[in-house]
Amino acid sequence: MNDQPAPTLPRCLLITAARNEERYLEQTILAMRAQTVRPVKWIIVNDGSTDGTAKIIERYAATTDWIDRLDMPVHRGRSFAAKALCFNAAWKAVDGLDYEVIGNLDADITFEPDYLEFVLTKFAEILDLGAAGTPFLQEDGYDSSRDSFEGETHVAGGCQLFRRSCFEEVGGYIPNGAGGIDWIAVTTARMKGWKTQSFRDKRFMHHRPLGTADRSSLSAFFSYGEKDYRLGGSALWEVCRIAYRMGKPPLVLGGLALGLGFLSATIRRVERTVSADLTRFHRREQMTKLKAIMRTLALRRSLDHFSLRTSLRNKVQRAVVPIMAGVPLARMEMLVDHFPQWFQP
């Protein structure tokens, strides 16, 4: 018999920031209570809710020894930095707790009973894995592995788990007025040499469309465009993203709103909210992805958004692929190499 013993799963701390989530929170709690493996502690932070969120948390915290409630002060509305402030307050509250993995769990998601066990198993099996998760679905049919170009090295913020040593090295979640605190954490981890990966064997369900908590979908797209600028994204990548977005519902309007958000931030010269090092790293990844997309399309192969390469080809590949695809591809790649310099704001 060559059966290998099952790996010992790491102990896990989960934290959820919940503001006015009475519509979704209970189903998230029920999904967690049904898990085959449970965290050593799950802290649900009531972020100044004015609805029944606090009562829902208290009801389950009173009957579940691994669920705790933490209250933040009442404030007027949602803030991009609030999630980080809530998370860090909970993280500080359990100083001294023994755990190896720490993760964020949004208050509006659900998943299968073996979901947490699946992700923790990956940490046990892959020793240099710094951050892990899965793609997600939305009730409108959206699948992040199919409809996003973030790819397998990105870990969606809705359920984002980190090895503790990795999370501490990147400085945890850093409050950012532009949002994207989960993106900053996982991209910084990758910049520092950690492996970050989403595993497409599983999905979690995100019940609220992204970015629409207190606004319309078009307002959300405009905000995403602003955020892309503030997080240091390449203008060339943004142009391609806008063109792609125009072919998705809401047709044309979503792409226009995205572009207007990016253009508005560019004209106003809004402050970038990430370091120069992270900006350079982010743009290099974007250009590598863009060249991978161009090569795939030029070779008339189907495009798998999720598994796009994010590492440069070796010298042999760089010589052979343009020959196979023809001179136009080589010219296109030269343009991609030089365009970022022209598009600097």
C-alpha atoms as a PDB file:
ATOM      1  CA  MET A   1       0.000   0.000   0.000  1.00  0.00           C
ATOM      2  CA  ASN A   2       1.302   3.451  -0.936  1.00  0.00           C
ATOM      3  CA  ASP A   3      -1.422   5.425   0.761  1.00  0.00           C
ATOM      4  CA  GLN A   4      -0.026   8.654   2.145  1.00  0.00           C
ATOM      5  CA  PRO A   5      -1.403   9.976   5.432  1.00  0.00           C
ATOM      6  CA  ALA A   6      -3.646  12.986   5.084  1.00  0.00           C
ATOM      7  CA  PRO A   7      -1.742  16.229   5.760  1.00  0.00           C
ATOM      8  CA  THR A   8      -2.298  17.920   9.072  1.00  0.00           C
ATOM      9  CA  LEU A   9      -4.370  20.978   8.341  1.00  0.00           C
ATOM     10  CA  PRO A  10      -3.173  24.355   9.666  1.00  0.00           C
ATOM     11  CA  ARG A  11      -5.162  26.113  12.359  1.00  0.00           C
ATOM     12  CA  CYS A  12      -7.159  28.976  10.910  1.00  0.00           C
ATOM     13  CA  LEU A  13      -8.377  32.380  12.135  1.00  0.00           C
ATOM     14  CA  LEU A  14     -11.178  33.993  10.116  1.00  0.00           C
ATOM     15  CA  ILE A  15     -12.375  37.593  10.318  1.00  0.00           C
ATOM     16  CA  THR A  16     -15.491  39.169   8.798  1.00  0.00           C
ATOM     17  CA  ALA A  17     -16.365  42.847   8.629  1.00  0.00           C
ATOM     18  CA  ALA A  18     -20.149  43.275   8.503  1.00  0.00           C
ATOM     19  CA  ARG A  19     -21.977  46.572   8.036  1.00  0.00           C
ATOM     20  CA  ASN A  20     -25.760  46.422   7.536  1.00  0.00           C
ATOM     21  CA  GLU A  21     -25.590  42.843   6.277  1.00  0.00           C
ATOM     22  CA  GLU A  22     -28.816  41.440   7.741  1.00  0.00           C
ATOM     23  CA  ARG A  23     -29.933  40.357   4.260  1.00  0.00           C
ATOM     24  CA  TYR A  24     -26.954  38.048   3.679  1.00  0.00           C
ATOM     25  CA  LEU A  25     -25.072  37.435   6.931  1.00  0.00           C
ATOM     26  CA  GLU A  26     -27.139  34.575   8.338  1.00  0.00           C
ATOM     27  CA  GLN A  27     -26.664  32.410   5.263  1.00  0.00           C
ATOM     28  CA  THR A  28     -22.910  33.029   5.493  1.00  0.00           C
ATOM     29  CA  ILE A  29     -22.931  31.927   9.126  1.00  0.00           C
ATOM     30  CA  LEU A  30     -24.954  28.815   8.310  1.00  0.00           C
ATOM     31  CA  ALA A  31     -22.509  27.924   5.530  1.00  0.00           C
ATOM     32  CA  MET A  32     -19.615  28.247   7.995  1.00  0.00           C
ATOM     33  CA  ARG A  33     -21.352  26.188  10.679  1.00  0.00           C
ATOM     34  CA  ALA A  34     -21.816  23.404   8.099  1.00  0.00           C
ATOM     35  CA  GLN A  35     -18.074  23.187   7.302  1.00  0.00           C
ATOM     36  CA  THR A  36     -16.260  19.872   7.694  1.00  0.00           C
ATOM     37  CA  VAL A  37     -13.307  21.797   9.182  1.00  0.00           C
ATOM     38  CA  ARG A  38     -13.845  24.862  11.333  1.00  0.00           C
ATOM     39  CA  PRO A  39     -11.584  27.748  12.302  1.00  0.00           C
ATOM     40  CA  VAL A  40     -10.122  28.010  15.787  1.00  0.00           C
ATOM     41  CA  LYS A  41     -11.835  31.395  15.916  1.00  0.00           C
ATOM     42  CA  TRP A  42     -14.133  33.409  13.665  1.00  0.00           C
ATOM     43  CA  ILE A  43     -14.522  37.043  14.656  1.00  0.00           C
ATOM     44  CA  ILE A  44     -17.461  38.840  13.056  1.00  0.00           C
ATOM     45  CA  VAL A  45     -17.007  42.589  13.370  1.00  0.00           C
ATOM     46  CA  ASN A  46     -20.181  44.645  13.582  1.00  0.00           C
ATOM     47  CA  ASP A  47     -19.056  47.799  11.793  1.00  0.00           C
ATOM     48  CA  GLY A  48     -21.523  50.279  13.265  1.00  0.00           C
ATOM     49  CA  SER A  49     -24.561  48.624  11.659  1.00  0.00           C
ATOM     50  CA  THR A  50     -27.932  50.318  11.917  1.00  0.00           C
ATOM     51  CA  ASP A  51     -30.017  47.284  10.922  1.00  0.00           C
ATOM     52  CA  GLY A  52     -30.328  43.814  12.517  1.00  0.00           C
ATOM     53  CA  THR A  53     -26.735  42.729  11.830  1.00  0.00           C
ATOM     54  CA  ALA A  54     -25.612  42.934  15.467  1.00  0.00           C
ATOM     55  CA  LYS A  55     -28.513  40.770  16.661  1.00  0.00           C
ATOM     56  CA  ILE A  56     -27.723  38.079  14.091  1.00  0.00           C
ATOM     57  CA  ILE A  57     -24.080  37.973  15.167  1.00  0.00           C
ATOM     58  CA  GLU A  58     -24.981  37.845  18.849  1.00  0.00           C
ATOM     59  CA  ARG A  59     -27.491  35.035  18.376  1.00  0.00           C
ATOM     60  CA  TYR A  60     -24.917  32.739  16.790  1.00  0.00           C
ATOM     61  CA  ALA A  61     -21.986  33.857  18.955  1.00  0.00           C
ATOM     62  CA  ALA A  62     -24.012  32.875  22.027  1.00  0.00           C
ATOM     63  CA  THR A  63     -24.394  29.285  20.807  1.00  0.00           C
ATOM     64  CA  THR A  64     -21.117  28.703  18.944  1.00  0.00           C
ATOM     65  CA  ASP A  65     -17.898  28.733  20.939  1.00  0.00           C
ATOM     66  CA  TRP A  66     -15.665  29.570  17.959  1.00  0.00           C
ATOM     67  CA  ILE A  67     -17.685  32.633  16.865  1.00  0.00           C
ATOM     68  CA  ASP A  68     -17.008  35.979  18.561  1.00  0.00           C
ATOM     69  CA  ARG A  69     -18.611  39.373  18.052  1.00  0.00           C
ATOM     70  CA  LEU A  70     -16.620  42.600  18.033  1.00  0.00           C
ATOM     71  CA  ASP A  71     -18.280  46.020  17.771  1.00  0.00           C
ATOM     72  CA  MET A  72     -16.858  49.058  16.025  1.00  0.00           C
ATOM     73  CA  PRO A  73     -18.177  52.610  16.602  1.00  0.00           C
ATOM     74  CA  VAL A  74     -21.233  53.783  14.664  1.00  0.00           C
ATOM     75  CA  HIS A  75     -20.362  55.868  11.614  1.00  0.00           C
ATOM     76  CA  ARG A  76     -22.226  57.366   8.686  1.00  0.00           C
ATOM     77  CA  GLY A  77     -21.539  55.110   5.737  1.00  0.00           C
ATOM     78  CA  ARG A  78     -19.333  52.558   4.081  1.00  0.00           C
ATOM     79  CA  SER A  79     -15.683  53.367   3.552  1.00  0.00           C
ATOM     80  CA  PHE A  80     -13.056  51.629   1.439  1.00  0.00           C
ATOM     81  CA  ALA A  81     -10.733  51.726   4.451  1.00  0.00           C
ATOM     82  CA  ALA A  82     -13.347  50.419   6.913  1.00  0.00           C
ATOM     83  CA  LYS A  83     -12.761  46.768   6.048  1.00  0.00           C
ATOM     84  CA  ALA A  84      -9.065  47.076   6.873  1.00  0.00           C
ATOM     85  CA  LEU A  85      -9.786  48.928  10.126  1.00  0.00           C
ATOM     86  CA  CYS A  86     -12.289  46.263  11.199  1.00  0.00           C
ATOM     87  CA  PHE A  87      -9.979  43.431  10.233  1.00  0.00           C
ATOM     88  CA  ASN A  88      -7.004  44.921  12.056  1.00  0.00           C
ATOM     89  CA  ALA A  89      -9.060  45.574  15.197  1.00  0.00           C
ATOM     90  CA  ALA A  90     -10.115  41.905  15.276  1.00  0.00           C
ATOM     91  CA  TRP A  91      -6.574  40.743  14.512  1.00  0.00           C
ATOM     92  CA  LYS A  92      -5.262  42.763  17.446  1.00  0.00           C
ATOM     93  CA  ALA A  93      -8.012  41.423  19.736  1.00  0.00           C
ATOM     94  CA  VAL A  94      -6.749  37.831  19.403  1.00  0.00           C
ATOM     95  CA  ASP A  95      -3.057  38.539  19.912  1.00  0.00           C
ATOM     96  CA  GLY A  96      -1.557  35.363  21.359  1.00  0.00           C
ATOM     97  CA  LEU A  97      -3.974  32.969  19.632  1.00  0.00           C
ATOM     98  CA  ASP A  98      -2.286  29.933  18.062  1.00  0.00           C
ATOM     99  CA  TYR A  99      -2.990  29.728  14.314  1.00  0.00           C
ATOM    100  CA  GLU A 100      -1.068  29.328  11.031  1.00  0.00           C
ATOM    101  CA  VAL A 101      -3.567  30.718   8.503  1.00  0.00           C
ATOM    102  CA  ILE A 102      -5.528  33.967   8.688  1.00  0.00           C
ATOM    103  CA  GLY A 103      -8.279  34.945   6.311  1.00  0.00           C
ATOM    104  CA  ASN A 104     -10.976  37.389   5.355  1.00  0.00           C
ATOM    105  CA  LEU A 105     -14.522  36.156   4.805  1.00  0.00           C
ATOM    106  CA  ASP A 106     -17.044  38.606   3.364  1.00  0.00           C
ATOM    107  CA  ALA A 107     -20.486  38.728   4.990  1.00  0.00           C
ATOM    108  CA  ASP A 108     -22.389  38.011   1.769  1.00  0.00           C
ATOM    109  CA  ILE A 109     -20.936  34.720   0.496  1.00  0.00           C
ATOM    110  CA  THR A 110     -21.718  31.008   0.769  1.00  0.00           C
ATOM    111  CA  PHE A 111     -19.912  27.809  -0.209  1.00  0.00           C
ATOM    112  CA  GLU A 112     -20.004  24.017  -0.023  1.00  0.00           C
ATOM    113  CA  PRO A 113     -19.417  22.209   3.319  1.00  0.00           C
ATOM    114  CA  ASP A 114     -15.876  21.095   2.394  1.00  0.00           C
ATOM    115  CA  TYR A 115     -14.764  24.499   1.107  1.00  0.00           C
ATOM    116  CA  LEU A 116     -12.563  25.559   4.041  1.00  0.00           C
ATOM    117  CA  GLU A 117     -11.046  22.078   4.294  1.00  0.00           C
ATOM    118  CA  PHE A 118     -10.165  22.237   0.582  1.00  0.00           C
ATOM    119  CA  VAL A 119      -8.329  25.574   0.877  1.00  0.00           C
ATOM    120  CA  LEU A 120      -6.511  24.648   4.103  1.00  0.00           C
ATOM    121  CA  THR A 121      -5.344  21.413   2.474  1.00  0.00           C
ATOM    122  CA  LYS A 122      -3.571  23.498  -0.171  1.00  0.00           C
ATOM    123  CA  PHE A 123      -1.616  25.317   2.546  1.00  0.00           C
ATOM    124  CA  ALA A 124      -0.619  21.958   4.041  1.00  0.00           C
ATOM    125  CA  GLU A 125       0.522  20.608   0.666  1.00  0.00           C
ATOM    126  CA  ILE A 126       2.252  23.698  -0.820  1.00  0.00           C
ATOM    127  CA  LEU A 127       4.761  25.040   1.663  1.00  0.00           C
ATOM    128  CA  ASP A 128       5.537  28.299  -0.172  1.00  0.00           C
ATOM    129  CA  LEU A 129       1.853  29.111  -0.686  1.00  0.00           C
ATOM    130  CA  GLY A 130       1.342  32.576   0.794  1.00  0.00           C
ATOM    131  CA  ALA A 131      -2.268  33.282  -0.207  1.00  0.00           C
ATOM    132  CA  ALA A 132      -4.990  30.997  -1.495  1.00  0.00           C
ATOM    133  CA  GLY A 133      -8.637  30.933  -2.451  1.00  0.00           C
ATOM    134  CA  THR A 134     -10.906  30.085  -5.358  1.00  0.00           C
ATOM    135  CA  PRO A 135     -12.806  31.853  -8.126  1.00  0.00           C
ATOM    136  CA  PHE A 136     -16.346  32.958  -7.351  1.00  0.00           C
ATOM    137  CA  LEU A 137     -19.793  33.034  -8.912  1.00  0.00           C
ATOM    138  CA  GLN A 138     -22.544  35.638  -8.849  1.00  0.00           C
ATOM    139  CA  GLU A 139     -26.253  35.057  -9.193  1.00  0.00           C
ATOM    140  CA  ASP A 140     -26.314  36.850 -12.572  1.00  0.00           C
ATOM    141  CA  GLY A 141     -24.142  34.089 -14.072  1.00  0.00           C
ATOM    142  CA  TYR A 142     -20.786  35.834 -13.594  1.00  0.00           C
ATOM    143  CA  ASP A 143     -17.845  33.458 -13.056  1.00  0.00           C
ATOM    144  CA  SER A 144     -14.590  35.179 -12.110  1.00  0.00           C
ATOM    145  CA  SER A 145     -12.509  32.416 -13.692  1.00  0.00           C
ATOM    146  CA  ARG A 146     -14.219  33.015 -17.047  1.00  0.00           C
ATOM    147  CA  ASP A 147     -15.183  36.703 -17.010  1.00  0.00           C
ATOM    148  CA  SER A 148     -12.149  38.302 -15.366  1.00  0.00           C
ATOM    149  CA  PHE A 149      -8.528  38.575 -16.491  1.00  0.00           C
ATOM    150  CA  GLU A 150      -7.156  38.553 -12.934  1.00  0.00           C
ATOM    151  CA  GLY A 151      -6.080  34.943 -13.466  1.00  0.00           C
ATOM    152  CA  GLU A 152      -5.045  32.116 -11.211  1.00  0.00           C
ATOM    153  CA  THR A 153      -2.389  34.070  -9.313  1.00  0.00           C
ATOM    154  CA  HIS A 154      -5.001  36.476  -7.951  1.00  0.00           C
ATOM    155  CA  VAL A 155      -7.018  35.546  -4.866  1.00  0.00           C
ATOM    156  CA  ALA A 156     -10.455  37.150  -4.689  1.00  0.00           C
ATOM    157  CA  GLY A 157     -11.017  39.262  -1.599  1.00  0.00           C
ATOM    158  CA  GLY A 158     -14.406  37.734  -0.754  1.00  0.00           C
ATOM    159  CA  CYS A 159     -12.672  34.681   0.702  1.00  0.00           C
ATOM    160  CA  GLN A 160      -8.944  35.309   0.898  1.00  0.00           C
ATOM    161  CA  LEU A 161      -6.702  33.207   3.133  1.00  0.00           C
ATOM    162  CA  PHE A 162      -3.036  33.907   3.932  1.00  0.00           C
ATOM    163  CA  ARG A 163      -0.299  31.957   5.584  1.00  0.00           C
ATOM    164  CA  ARG A 164       0.264  33.901   8.791  1.00  0.00           C
ATOM    165  CA  SER A 165       3.958  34.560   8.118  1.00  0.00           C
ATOM    166  CA  CYS A 166       3.106  35.903   4.652  1.00  0.00           C
ATOM    167  CA  PHE A 167       0.345  38.151   5.978  1.00  0.00           C
ATOM    168  CA  GLU A 168       2.656  39.580   8.612  1.00  0.00           C
ATOM    169  CA  GLU A 169       5.400  40.167   6.027  1.00  0.00           C
ATOM    170  CA  VAL A 170       3.127  42.223   3.751  1.00  0.00           C
ATOM    171  CA  GLY A 171       1.922  44.247   6.733  1.00  0.00           C
ATOM    172  CA  GLY A 172      -1.634  42.889   6.804  1.00  0.00           C
ATOM    173  CA  TYR A 173      -4.496  44.832   5.278  1.00  0.00           C
ATOM    174  CA  ILE A 174      -3.457  48.458   4.826  1.00  0.00           C
ATOM    175  CA  PRO A 175      -6.313  51.012   4.993  1.00  0.00           C
ATOM    176  CA  ASN A 176      -6.627  52.620   1.576  1.00  0.00           C
ATOM    177  CA  GLY A 177      -9.125  55.281   0.611  1.00  0.00           C
ATOM    178  CA  ALA A 178      -9.143  53.968  -2.972  1.00  0.00           C
ATOM    179  CA  GLY A 179     -10.147  50.470  -1.916  1.00  0.00           C
ATOM    180  CA  GLY A 180      -8.452  47.325  -3.155  1.00  0.00           C
ATOM    181  CA  ILE A 181      -6.962  46.427   0.229  1.00  0.00           C
ATOM    182  CA  ASP A 182      -7.228  42.702  -0.561  1.00  0.00           C
ATOM    183  CA  TRP A 183      -5.662  43.231  -4.012  1.00  0.00           C
ATOM    184  CA  ILE A 184      -2.792  45.199  -2.456  1.00  0.00           C
ATOM    185  CA  ALA A 185      -2.108  42.459   0.100  1.00  0.00           C
ATOM    186  CA  VAL A 186      -2.063  39.560  -2.366  1.00  0.00           C
ATOM    187  CA  THR A 187      -0.085  41.455  -5.041  1.00  0.00           C
ATOM    188  CA  THR A 188       2.470  42.581  -2.461  1.00  0.00           C
ATOM    189  CA  ALA A 189       2.820  38.962  -1.333  1.00  0.00           C
ATOM    190  CA  ARG A 190       3.601  37.940  -4.906  1.00  0.00           C
ATOM    191  CA  MET A 191       6.068  40.832  -5.280  1.00  0.00           C
ATOM    192  CA  LYS A 192       7.865  39.581  -2.170  1.00  0.00           C
ATOM    193  CA  GLY A 193       8.248  36.099  -3.645  1.00  0.00           C
ATOM    194  CA  TRP A 194       5.299  34.225  -2.162  1.00  0.00           C
ATOM    195  CA  LYS A 195       3.162  31.930  -4.284  1.00  0.00           C
ATOM    196  CA  THR A 196      -0.438  33.129  -4.528  1.00  0.00           C
ATOM    197  CA  GLN A 197      -3.078  31.000  -6.195  1.00  0.00           C
ATOM    198  CA  SER A 198      -6.768  30.510  -6.787  1.00  0.00           C
ATOM    199  CA  PHE A 199      -7.806  26.900  -7.277  1.00  0.00           C
ATOM    200  CA  ARG A 200     -10.578  26.470  -9.820  1.00  0.00           C
ATOM    201  CA  ASP A 201     -11.751  23.110  -8.395  1.00  0.00           C
ATOM    202  CA  LYS A 202     -14.120  25.045  -6.116  1.00  0.00           C
ATOM    203  CA  ARG A 203     -16.176  28.243  -6.166  1.00  0.00           C
ATOM    204  CA  PHE A 204     -17.809  30.424  -3.562  1.00  0.00           C
ATOM    205  CA  MET A 205     -21.037  32.294  -4.280  1.00  0.00           C
ATOM    206  CA  HIS A 206     -20.954  36.075  -3.936  1.00  0.00           C
ATOM    207  CA  HIS A 207     -24.572  37.075  -3.407  1.00  0.00           C
ATOM    208  CA  ARG A 208     -24.268  40.849  -3.842  1.00  0.00           C
ATOM    209  CA  PRO A 209     -22.920  42.111  -7.203  1.00  0.00           C
ATOM    210  CA  LEU A 210     -19.468  43.550  -6.621  1.00  0.00           C
ATOM    211  CA  GLY A 211     -19.263  47.214  -5.689  1.00  0.00           C
ATOM    212  CA  THR A 212     -23.029  47.802  -5.533  1.00  0.00           C
ATOM    213  CA  ALA A 213     -23.600  47.969  -1.778  1.00  0.00           C
ATOM    214  CA  ASP A 214     -24.589  51.648  -1.789  1.00  0.00           C
ATOM    215  CA  ARG A 215     -24.674  52.558  -5.500  1.00  0.00           C
ATOM    216  CA  SER A 216     -25.810  51.608  -8.988  1.00  0.00           C
ATOM    217  CA  SER A 217     -23.850  49.272 -11.268  1.00  0.00           C
ATOM    218  CA  LEU A 218     -22.727  52.163 -13.512  1.00  0.00           C
ATOM    219  CA  SER A 219     -21.492  54.098 -10.481  1.00  0.00           C
ATOM    220  CA  ALA A 220     -19.602  50.975  -9.466  1.00  0.00           C
ATOM    221  CA  PHE A 221     -17.926  50.759 -12.900  1.00  0.00           C
ATOM    222  CA  PHE A 222     -16.927  54.439 -12.697  1.00  0.00           C
ATOM    223  CA  SER A 223     -15.448  53.786  -9.258  1.00  0.00           C
ATOM    224  CA  TYR A 224     -13.537  50.759 -10.585  1.00  0.00           C
ATOM    225  CA  GLY A 225     -11.996  52.962 -13.280  1.00  0.00           C
ATOM    226  CA  GLU A 226     -10.855  55.472 -10.665  1.00  0.00           C
ATOM    227  CA  LYS A 227      -9.507  52.666  -8.526  1.00  0.00           C
ATOM    228  CA  ASP A 228      -7.564  51.164 -11.450  1.00  0.00           C
ATOM    229  CA  TYR A 229      -5.791  54.515 -11.827  1.00  0.00           C
ATOM    230  CA  ARG A 230      -5.156  55.011  -8.121  1.00  0.00           C
ATOM    231  CA  LEU A 231      -3.732  51.497  -7.771  1.00  0.00           C
ATOM    232  CA  GLY A 232      -1.160  52.220 -10.472  1.00  0.00           C
ATOM    233  CA  GLY A 233      -2.656  50.337 -13.411  1.00  0.00           C
ATOM    234  CA  SER A 234      -1.313  50.753 -16.933  1.00  0.00           C
ATOM    235  CA  ALA A 235      -3.342  53.011 -19.240  1.00  0.00           C
ATOM    236  CA  LEU A 236      -2.789  50.588 -22.126  1.00  0.00           C
ATOM    237  CA  TRP A 237      -4.209  47.730 -20.086  1.00  0.00           C
ATOM    238  CA  GLU A 238      -7.148  49.949 -19.121  1.00  0.00           C
ATOM    239  CA  VAL A 239      -7.940  50.740 -22.770  1.00  0.00           C
ATOM    240  CA  CYS A 240      -8.065  47.012 -23.525  1.00  0.00           C
ATOM    241  CA  ARG A 241     -10.165  46.388 -20.430  1.00  0.00           C
ATOM    242  CA  ILE A 242     -12.637  49.097 -21.459  1.00  0.00           C
ATOM    243  CA  ALA A 243     -12.979  47.605 -24.945  1.00  0.00           C
ATOM    244  CA  TYR A 244     -13.593  44.158 -23.482  1.00  0.00           C
ATOM    245  CA  ARG A 245     -16.078  45.503 -20.928  1.00  0.00           C
ATOM    246  CA  MET A 246     -18.160  47.178 -23.639  1.00  0.00           C
ATOM    247  CA  GLY A 247     -19.142  43.761 -24.946  1.00  0.00           C
ATOM    248  CA  LYS A 248     -20.509  42.672 -21.570  1.00  0.00           C
ATOM    249  CA  PRO A 249     -23.783  43.699 -19.887  1.00  0.00           C
ATOM    250  CA  PRO A 250     -24.594  46.480 -19.553  1.00  0.00           C
ATOM    251  CA  LEU A 251     -23.479  46.675 -23.188  1.00  0.00           C
ATOM    252  CA  VAL A 252     -21.260  49.672 -24.006  1.00  0.00           C
ATOM    253  CA  LEU A 253     -22.373  51.621 -20.918  1.00  0.00           C
ATOM    254  CA  GLY A 254     -20.329  49.569 -18.460  1.00  0.00           C
ATOM    255  CA  GLY A 255     -17.149  50.083 -20.497  1.00  0.00           C
ATOM    256  CA  LEU A 256     -17.857  53.796 -20.923  1.00  0.00           C
ATOM    257  CA  ALA A 257     -18.376  54.252 -17.182  1.00  0.00           C
ATOM    258  CA  LEU A 258     -15.135  52.371 -16.492  1.00  0.00           C
ATOM    259  CA  GLY A 259     -13.239  54.539 -18.968  1.00  0.00           C
ATOM    260  CA  LEU A 260     -14.720  57.770 -17.634  1.00  0.00           C
ATOM    261  CA  GLY A 261     -13.627  56.818 -14.128  1.00  0.00           C
ATOM    262  CA  PHE A 262     -10.040  56.183 -15.246  1.00  0.00           C
ATOM    263  CA  LEU A 263      -9.976  59.317 -17.445  1.00  0.00           C
ATOM    264  CA  SER A 264     -11.417  61.482 -14.683  1.00  0.00           C
ATOM    265  CA  ALA A 265      -8.750  60.324 -12.242  1.00  0.00           C
ATOM    266  CA  THR A 266      -6.050  60.909 -14.875  1.00  0.00           C
ATOM    267  CA  ILE A 267      -7.190  64.458 -15.679  1.00  0.00           C
ATOM    268  CA  ARG A 268      -7.510  65.339 -12.004  1.00  0.00           C
ATOM    269  CA  ARG A 269      -4.137  63.701 -11.319  1.00  0.00           C
ATOM    270  CA  VAL A 270      -5.591  61.851  -8.372  1.00  0.00           C
ATOM    271  CA  GLU A 271      -2.946  60.641  -5.942  1.00  0.00           C
ATOM    272  CA  ARG A 272      -1.675  57.108  -6.490  1.00  0.00           C
ATOM    273  CA  THR A 273      -2.227  55.103  -3.337  1.00  0.00           C
ATOM    274  CA  VAL A 274       0.377  52.351  -3.758  1.00  0.00           C
ATOM    275  CA  SER A 275       4.154  52.417  -3.694  1.00  0.00           C
ATOM    276  CA  ALA A 276       6.274  52.954  -6.794  1.00  0.00           C
ATOM    277  CA  ASP A 277       7.656  49.424  -6.436  1.00  0.00           C
ATOM    278  CA  LEU A 278       4.197  47.887  -6.375  1.00  0.00           C
ATOM    279  CA  THR A 279       3.117  50.043  -9.340  1.00  0.00           C
ATOM    280  CA  ARG A 280       6.062  48.816 -11.420  1.00  0.00           C
ATOM    281  CA  PHE A 281       5.445  45.201 -10.437  1.00  0.00           C
ATOM    282  CA  HIS A 282       1.714  45.504 -11.224  1.00  0.00           C
ATOM    283  CA  ARG A 283       2.335  47.021 -14.665  1.00  0.00           C
ATOM    284  CA  ARG A 284       4.911  44.378 -15.558  1.00  0.00           C
ATOM    285  CA  GLU A 285       2.347  41.701 -14.758  1.00  0.00           C
ATOM    286  CA  GLN A 286      -0.288  43.493 -16.825  1.00  0.00           C
ATOM    287  CA  MET A 287       1.995  43.768 -19.862  1.00  0.00           C
ATOM    288  CA  THR A 288       3.005  40.117 -19.569  1.00  0.00           C
ATOM    289  CA  LYS A 289      -0.670  39.134 -19.487  1.00  0.00           C
ATOM    290  CA  LEU A 290      -1.443  41.374 -22.448  1.00  0.00           C
ATOM    291  CA  LYS A 291       1.308  39.766 -24.519  1.00  0.00           C
ATOM    292  CA  ALA A 292      -0.002  36.327 -23.532  1.00  0.00           C
ATOM    293  CA  ILE A 293      -3.484  37.342 -24.728  1.00  0.00           C
ATOM    294  CA  MET A 294      -2.084  38.644 -28.019  1.00  0.00           C
ATOM    295  CA  ARG A 295      -0.038  35.486 -28.635  1.00  0.00           C
ATOM    296  CA  THR A 296      -3.051  33.290 -27.942  1.00  0.00           C
ATOM    297  CA  LEU A 297      -5.315  35.262 -30.276  1.00  0.00           C
ATOM    298  CA  ALA A 298      -2.638  35.457 -32.990  1.00  0.00           C
ATOM    299  CA  LEU A 299      -2.224  31.672 -32.881  1.00  0.00           C
ATOM    300  CA  ARG A 300      -6.035  31.349 -33.102  1.00  0.00           C
ATOM    301  CA  ARG A 301      -6.286  29.409 -29.876  1.00  0.00           C
ATOM    302  CA  SER A 302      -9.134  29.667 -27.405  1.00  0.00           C
ATOM    303  CA  LEU A 303      -8.435  32.145 -24.640  1.00  0.00           C
ATOM    304  CA  ASP A 304      -8.531  30.818 -21.086  1.00  0.00           C
ATOM    305  CA  HIS A 305      -8.695  33.921 -18.894  1.00  0.00           C
ATOM    306  CA  PHE A 306      -7.878  32.007 -15.744  1.00  0.00           C
ATOM    307  CA  SER A 307      -4.647  30.314 -16.783  1.00  0.00           C
ATOM    308  CA  LEU A 308      -3.016  33.190 -18.684  1.00  0.00           C
ATOM    309  CA  ARG A 309       0.735  33.105 -18.222  1.00  0.00           C
ATOM    310  CA  THR A 310       2.177  35.732 -15.923  1.00  0.00           C
ATOM    311  CA  SER A 311       5.867  34.886 -16.430  1.00  0.00           C
ATOM    312  CA  LEU A 312       8.010  35.898 -19.384  1.00  0.00           C
ATOM    313  CA  ARG A 313       8.939  33.331 -22.018  1.00  0.00           C
ATOM    314  CA  ASN A 314      12.474  32.054 -22.257  1.00  0.00           C
ATOM    315  CA  LYS A 315      14.765  33.068 -25.143  1.00  0.00           C
ATOM    316  CA  VAL A 316      13.878  30.081 -27.318  1.00  0.00           C
ATOM    317  CA  GLN A 317      10.154  30.736 -26.936  1.00  0.00           C
ATOM    318  CA  ARG A 318      10.650  34.431 -27.685  1.00  0.00           C
ATOM    319  CA  ALA A 319      12.307  33.503 -30.971  1.00  0.00           C
ATOM    320  CA  VAL A 320      10.000  30.678 -32.051  1.00  0.00           C
ATOM    321  CA  VAL A 321       6.541  32.055 -31.270  1.00  0.00           C
ATOM    322  CA  PRO A 322       6.772  35.153 -33.522  1.00  0.00           C
ATOM    323  CA  ILE A 323       7.974  32.928 -36.375  1.00  0.00           C
ATOM    324  CA  MET A 324       5.021  30.581 -35.881  1.00  0.00           C
ATOM    325  CA  ALA A 325       2.530  33.419 -35.563  1.00  0.00           C
ATOM    326  CA  GLY A 326       4.029  35.676 -38.221  1.00  0.00           C
ATOM    327  CA  VAL A 327       5.627  39.108 -38.223  1.00  0.00           C
ATOM    328  CA  PRO A 328       2.465  40.992 -37.113  1.00  0.00           C
ATOM    329  CA  LEU A 329       2.627  39.356 -33.698  1.00  0.00           C
ATOM    330  CA  ALA A 330       6.254  40.343 -33.258  1.00  0.00           C
ATOM    331  CA  ARG A 331       5.352  43.926 -34.108  1.00  0.00           C
ATOM    332  CA  MET A 332       2.428  43.854 -31.704  1.00  0.00           C
ATOM    333  CA  GLU A 333       4.675  42.620 -28.902  1.00  0.00           C
ATOM    334  CA  MET A 334       7.143  45.440 -29.618  1.00  0.00           C
ATOM    335  CA  LEU A 335       4.275  47.918 -29.320  1.00  0.00           C
ATOM    336  CA  VAL A 336       3.213  46.436 -25.999  1.00  0.00           C
ATOM    337  CA  ASP A 337       6.791  46.694 -24.763  1.00  0.00           C
ATOM    338  CA  HIS A 338       6.941  50.425 -25.616  1.00  0.00           C
ATOM    339  CA  PHE A 339       3.355  51.632 -25.079  1.00  0.00           C
ATOM    340  CA  PRO A 340       3.570  51.810 -21.282  1.00  0.00           C
ATOM    341  CA  GLN A 341       6.198  54.572 -21.640  1.00  0.00           C
ATOM    342  CA  TRP A 342       3.878  56.587 -23.890  1.00  0.00           C
ATOM    343  CA  PHE A 343       0.875  56.162 -21.626  1.00  0.00           C
ATOM    344  CA  GLN A 344       2.514  57.348 -18.416  1.00  0.00           C
ATOM    345  CA  PRO A 345       0.308  60.096 -16.893  1.00  0.00           C
END
